[in-house]
Amino acid sequence: MQLAYNVKAPRRSVNLTANSELVSRVRSENGNLSALFEQSMIIFLAERELTRWKEESQTSFDSYNRMIEQRGPVSEDIGLLL
């Protein structure tokens, strides 16, 4: 799931605390802490959006599954074997 956000939004300074050993190891690998933090936020938000979508769509999933249980797959209605 692609997260929609303004990639050109201005940068904002924030203060964070992190495990000192992890910070040292990332820096020793020439890692970009800001980029890693931003990527972590993207992953976090994408996971939340997916969870929310699944919860909001659960009624539709249940309805579809009931239809399949009662009538069989839609492909059977039109004569397709999948």
N, C-alpha and C. Protein backbone atom coordinates (compact mmCIF):
# COMPACT_ATOMS: atom_id res chain seq x y z
N MET A 1 0.85 -1.17 0.00
CA MET A 1 0.00 0.00 0.00
C MET A 1 0.90 1.23 0.00
N GLN A 2 0.66 2.11 -0.96
CA GLN A 2 1.43 3.33 -1.10
C GLN A 2 0.88 4.41 -0.18
N LEU A 3 1.73 5.00 0.63
CA LEU A 3 1.32 6.06 1.55
C LEU A 3 1.30 7.39 0.81
N ALA A 4 0.19 8.12 0.92
CA ALA A 4 0.08 9.42 0.26
C ALA A 4 0.51 10.52 1.25
N TYR A 5 1.50 11.26 0.88
CA TYR A 5 1.95 12.40 1.67
C TYR A 5 2.76 13.32 0.77
N ASN A 6 2.91 14.56 1.19
CA ASN A 6 3.62 15.56 0.40
C ASN A 6 5.13 15.38 0.60
N VAL A 7 5.79 14.79 -0.38
CA VAL A 7 7.23 14.55 -0.28
C VAL A 7 8.03 15.85 -0.35
N LYS A 8 7.39 16.93 -0.79
CA LYS A 8 8.08 18.21 -0.89
C LYS A 8 7.78 19.12 0.30
N ALA A 9 7.11 18.59 1.32
CA ALA A 9 6.82 19.40 2.51
C ALA A 9 8.15 19.82 3.14
N PRO A 10 8.18 21.00 3.76
CA PRO A 10 9.44 21.46 4.36
C PRO A 10 9.88 20.55 5.50
N ARG A 11 11.17 20.48 5.68
CA ARG A 11 11.75 19.70 6.77
C ARG A 11 11.51 20.43 8.09
N ARG A 12 11.42 19.64 9.16
CA ARG A 12 11.21 20.20 10.49
C ARG A 12 12.18 19.52 11.45
N SER A 13 12.88 20.28 12.24
CA SER A 13 13.79 19.72 13.24
C SER A 13 12.98 19.15 14.40
N VAL A 14 13.41 17.97 14.86
CA VAL A 14 12.78 17.35 16.02
C VAL A 14 13.88 16.80 16.92
N ASN A 15 13.58 16.72 18.20
CA ASN A 15 14.52 16.11 19.14
C ASN A 15 14.06 14.70 19.44
N LEU A 16 14.97 13.75 19.34
CA LEU A 16 14.67 12.35 19.58
C LEU A 16 15.66 11.77 20.56
N THR A 17 15.23 10.70 21.21
CA THR A 17 16.18 9.91 21.98
C THR A 17 16.19 8.52 21.37
N ALA A 18 17.37 7.92 21.35
CA ALA A 18 17.51 6.60 20.75
C ALA A 18 18.62 5.85 21.48
N ASN A 19 18.62 4.56 21.32
CA ASN A 19 19.64 3.70 21.90
C ASN A 19 21.01 4.15 21.37
N SER A 20 21.91 4.47 22.28
CA SER A 20 23.21 5.02 21.89
C SER A 20 24.03 4.06 21.05
N GLU A 21 23.94 2.77 21.35
CA GLU A 21 24.69 1.79 20.57
C GLU A 21 24.17 1.74 19.13
N LEU A 22 22.85 1.77 18.97
CA LEU A 22 22.29 1.76 17.62
C LEU A 22 22.71 3.00 16.85
N VAL A 23 22.67 4.15 17.50
CA VAL A 23 23.08 5.39 16.84
C VAL A 23 24.54 5.29 16.40
N SER A 24 25.40 4.81 17.27
CA SER A 24 26.83 4.66 16.94
C SER A 24 27.03 3.70 15.77
N ARG A 25 26.30 2.59 15.80
CA ARG A 25 26.46 1.61 14.73
C ARG A 25 25.97 2.15 13.39
N VAL A 26 24.85 2.86 13.41
CA VAL A 26 24.34 3.45 12.16
C VAL A 26 25.33 4.47 11.63
N ARG A 27 25.83 5.32 12.51
CA ARG A 27 26.80 6.34 12.08
C ARG A 27 28.08 5.69 11.56
N SER A 28 28.52 4.59 12.18
CA SER A 28 29.75 3.93 11.71
C SER A 28 29.56 3.32 10.32
N GLU A 29 28.30 3.06 9.95
CA GLU A 29 27.99 2.55 8.61
C GLU A 29 27.62 3.69 7.65
N ASN A 30 27.88 4.92 8.07
CA ASN A 30 27.53 6.11 7.30
C ASN A 30 26.04 6.19 7.00
N GLY A 31 25.24 5.69 7.94
CA GLY A 31 23.79 5.75 7.78
C GLY A 31 23.26 7.15 8.05
N ASN A 32 22.19 7.48 7.40
CA ASN A 32 21.55 8.78 7.55
C ASN A 32 20.40 8.62 8.55
N LEU A 33 20.59 9.13 9.77
CA LEU A 33 19.59 8.98 10.81
C LEU A 33 18.26 9.61 10.43
N SER A 34 18.30 10.76 9.79
CA SER A 34 17.06 11.43 9.39
C SER A 34 16.29 10.59 8.37
N ALA A 35 17.01 10.04 7.41
CA ALA A 35 16.36 9.22 6.39
C ALA A 35 15.79 7.94 7.00
N LEU A 36 16.53 7.34 7.92
CA LEU A 36 16.04 6.13 8.59
C LEU A 36 14.79 6.42 9.42
N PHE A 37 14.80 7.54 10.11
CA PHE A 37 13.64 7.93 10.90
C PHE A 37 12.43 8.18 9.99
N GLU A 38 12.66 8.90 8.90
CA GLU A 38 11.57 9.19 7.97
C GLU A 38 11.01 7.89 7.36
N GLN A 39 11.89 6.97 6.98
CA GLN A 39 11.44 5.69 6.43
C GLN A 39 10.64 4.91 7.47
N SER A 40 11.08 4.96 8.71
CA SER A 40 10.34 4.28 9.79
C SER A 40 8.95 4.88 9.96
N MET A 41 8.83 6.19 9.85
CA MET A 41 7.52 6.83 9.96
C MET A 41 6.61 6.41 8.81
N ILE A 42 7.16 6.33 7.61
CA ILE A 42 6.39 5.91 6.43
C ILE A 42 5.86 4.49 6.63
N ILE A 43 6.72 3.60 7.08
CA ILE A 43 6.31 2.21 7.32
C ILE A 43 5.25 2.15 8.40
N PHE A 44 5.44 2.86 9.48
CA PHE A 44 4.48 2.89 10.58
C PHE A 44 3.11 3.35 10.09
N LEU A 45 3.08 4.46 9.36
CA LEU A 45 1.81 5.00 8.88
C LEU A 45 1.15 4.09 7.85
N ALA A 46 1.94 3.50 6.97
CA ALA A 46 1.38 2.58 5.97
C ALA A 46 0.76 1.36 6.65
N GLU A 47 1.42 0.84 7.68
CA GLU A 47 0.87 -0.29 8.42
C GLU A 47 -0.44 0.09 9.11
N ARG A 48 -0.48 1.29 9.69
CA ARG A 48 -1.71 1.77 10.35
C ARG A 48 -2.84 1.93 9.34
N GLU A 49 -2.53 2.49 8.18
CA GLU A 49 -3.56 2.66 7.15
C GLU A 49 -4.10 1.32 6.68
N LEU A 50 -3.22 0.34 6.50
CA LEU A 50 -3.63 -0.99 6.07
C LEU A 50 -4.52 -1.64 7.14
N THR A 51 -4.14 -1.53 8.39
CA THR A 51 -4.94 -2.08 9.48
C THR A 51 -6.31 -1.43 9.52
N ARG A 52 -6.35 -0.11 9.39
CA ARG A 52 -7.61 0.62 9.40
C ARG A 52 -8.49 0.20 8.22
N TRP A 53 -7.89 0.06 7.03
CA TRP A 53 -8.64 -0.36 5.85
C TRP A 53 -9.24 -1.75 6.04
N LYS A 54 -8.43 -2.67 6.61
CA LYS A 54 -8.93 -4.02 6.85
C LYS A 54 -10.11 -4.00 7.82
N GLU A 55 -9.99 -3.20 8.88
CA GLU A 55 -11.08 -3.11 9.85
C GLU A 55 -12.33 -2.52 9.22
N GLU A 56 -12.17 -1.47 8.43
CA GLU A 56 -13.31 -0.82 7.78
C GLU A 56 -13.94 -1.72 6.72
N SER A 57 -13.17 -2.61 6.13
CA SER A 57 -13.65 -3.46 5.05
C SER A 57 -14.11 -4.83 5.53
N GLN A 58 -13.98 -5.12 6.82
CA GLN A 58 -14.29 -6.45 7.33
C GLN A 58 -15.71 -6.88 7.00
N THR A 59 -16.68 -5.97 7.08
CA THR A 59 -18.06 -6.30 6.75
C THR A 59 -18.18 -6.78 5.30
N SER A 60 -17.49 -6.10 4.41
CA SER A 60 -17.50 -6.50 2.99
C SER A 60 -16.84 -7.86 2.80
N PHE A 61 -15.73 -8.09 3.48
CA PHE A 61 -15.06 -9.39 3.38
C PHE A 61 -15.99 -10.50 3.85
N ASP A 62 -16.64 -10.27 4.99
CA ASP A 62 -17.55 -11.28 5.54
C ASP A 62 -18.71 -11.54 4.58
N SER A 63 -19.25 -10.48 4.00
CA SER A 63 -20.37 -10.63 3.07
C SER A 63 -19.94 -11.43 1.85
N TYR A 64 -18.79 -11.13 1.31
CA TYR A 64 -18.27 -11.85 0.14
C TYR A 64 -18.05 -13.32 0.48
N ASN A 65 -17.46 -13.57 1.64
CA ASN A 65 -17.21 -14.96 2.05
C ASN A 65 -18.51 -15.74 2.21
N ARG A 66 -19.55 -15.10 2.75
CA ARG A 66 -20.86 -15.75 2.87
C ARG A 66 -21.42 -16.08 1.48
N MET A 67 -21.27 -15.15 0.55
CA MET A 67 -21.75 -15.37 -0.81
C MET A 67 -21.04 -16.58 -1.43
N ILE A 68 -19.73 -16.67 -1.24
CA ILE A 68 -18.95 -17.78 -1.79
C ILE A 68 -19.42 -19.09 -1.15
N GLU A 69 -19.65 -19.07 0.15
CA GLU A 69 -20.12 -20.29 0.83
C GLU A 69 -21.48 -20.73 0.28
N GLN A 70 -22.36 -19.78 -0.02
CA GLN A 70 -23.71 -20.10 -0.47
C GLN A 70 -23.77 -20.45 -1.95
N ARG A 71 -23.04 -19.71 -2.78
CA ARG A 71 -23.18 -19.84 -4.23
C ARG A 71 -21.97 -20.44 -4.91
N GLY A 72 -20.86 -20.51 -4.23
CA GLY A 72 -19.62 -20.95 -4.85
C GLY A 72 -18.92 -19.75 -5.49
N PRO A 73 -17.74 -19.97 -6.02
CA PRO A 73 -16.98 -18.87 -6.63
C PRO A 73 -17.72 -18.26 -7.82
N VAL A 74 -17.51 -16.99 -8.04
CA VAL A 74 -18.12 -16.29 -9.16
C VAL A 74 -17.71 -16.94 -10.48
N SER A 75 -16.51 -17.47 -10.55
CA SER A 75 -16.04 -18.10 -11.79
C SER A 75 -16.93 -19.27 -12.19
N GLU A 76 -17.56 -19.93 -11.23
CA GLU A 76 -18.47 -21.03 -11.56
C GLU A 76 -19.72 -20.50 -12.27
N ASP A 77 -20.16 -19.28 -11.90
CA ASP A 77 -21.33 -18.68 -12.53
C ASP A 77 -21.11 -18.40 -14.00
N ILE A 78 -19.88 -18.06 -14.36
CA ILE A 78 -19.63 -17.70 -15.76
C ILE A 78 -18.89 -18.81 -16.50
N GLY A 79 -18.69 -19.95 -15.84
CA GLY A 79 -18.11 -21.11 -16.51
C GLY A 79 -16.60 -21.08 -16.65
N LEU A 80 -15.93 -20.37 -15.80
CA LEU A 80 -14.46 -20.34 -15.85
C LEU A 80 -13.89 -21.25 -14.78
N LEU A 81 -12.83 -21.94 -15.13
CA LEU A 81 -12.11 -22.75 -14.15
C LEU A 81 -10.81 -22.02 -13.84
N LEU A 82 -10.62 -21.70 -12.60
CA LEU A 82 -9.39 -21.00 -12.21
C LEU A 82 -8.49 -21.91 -11.44
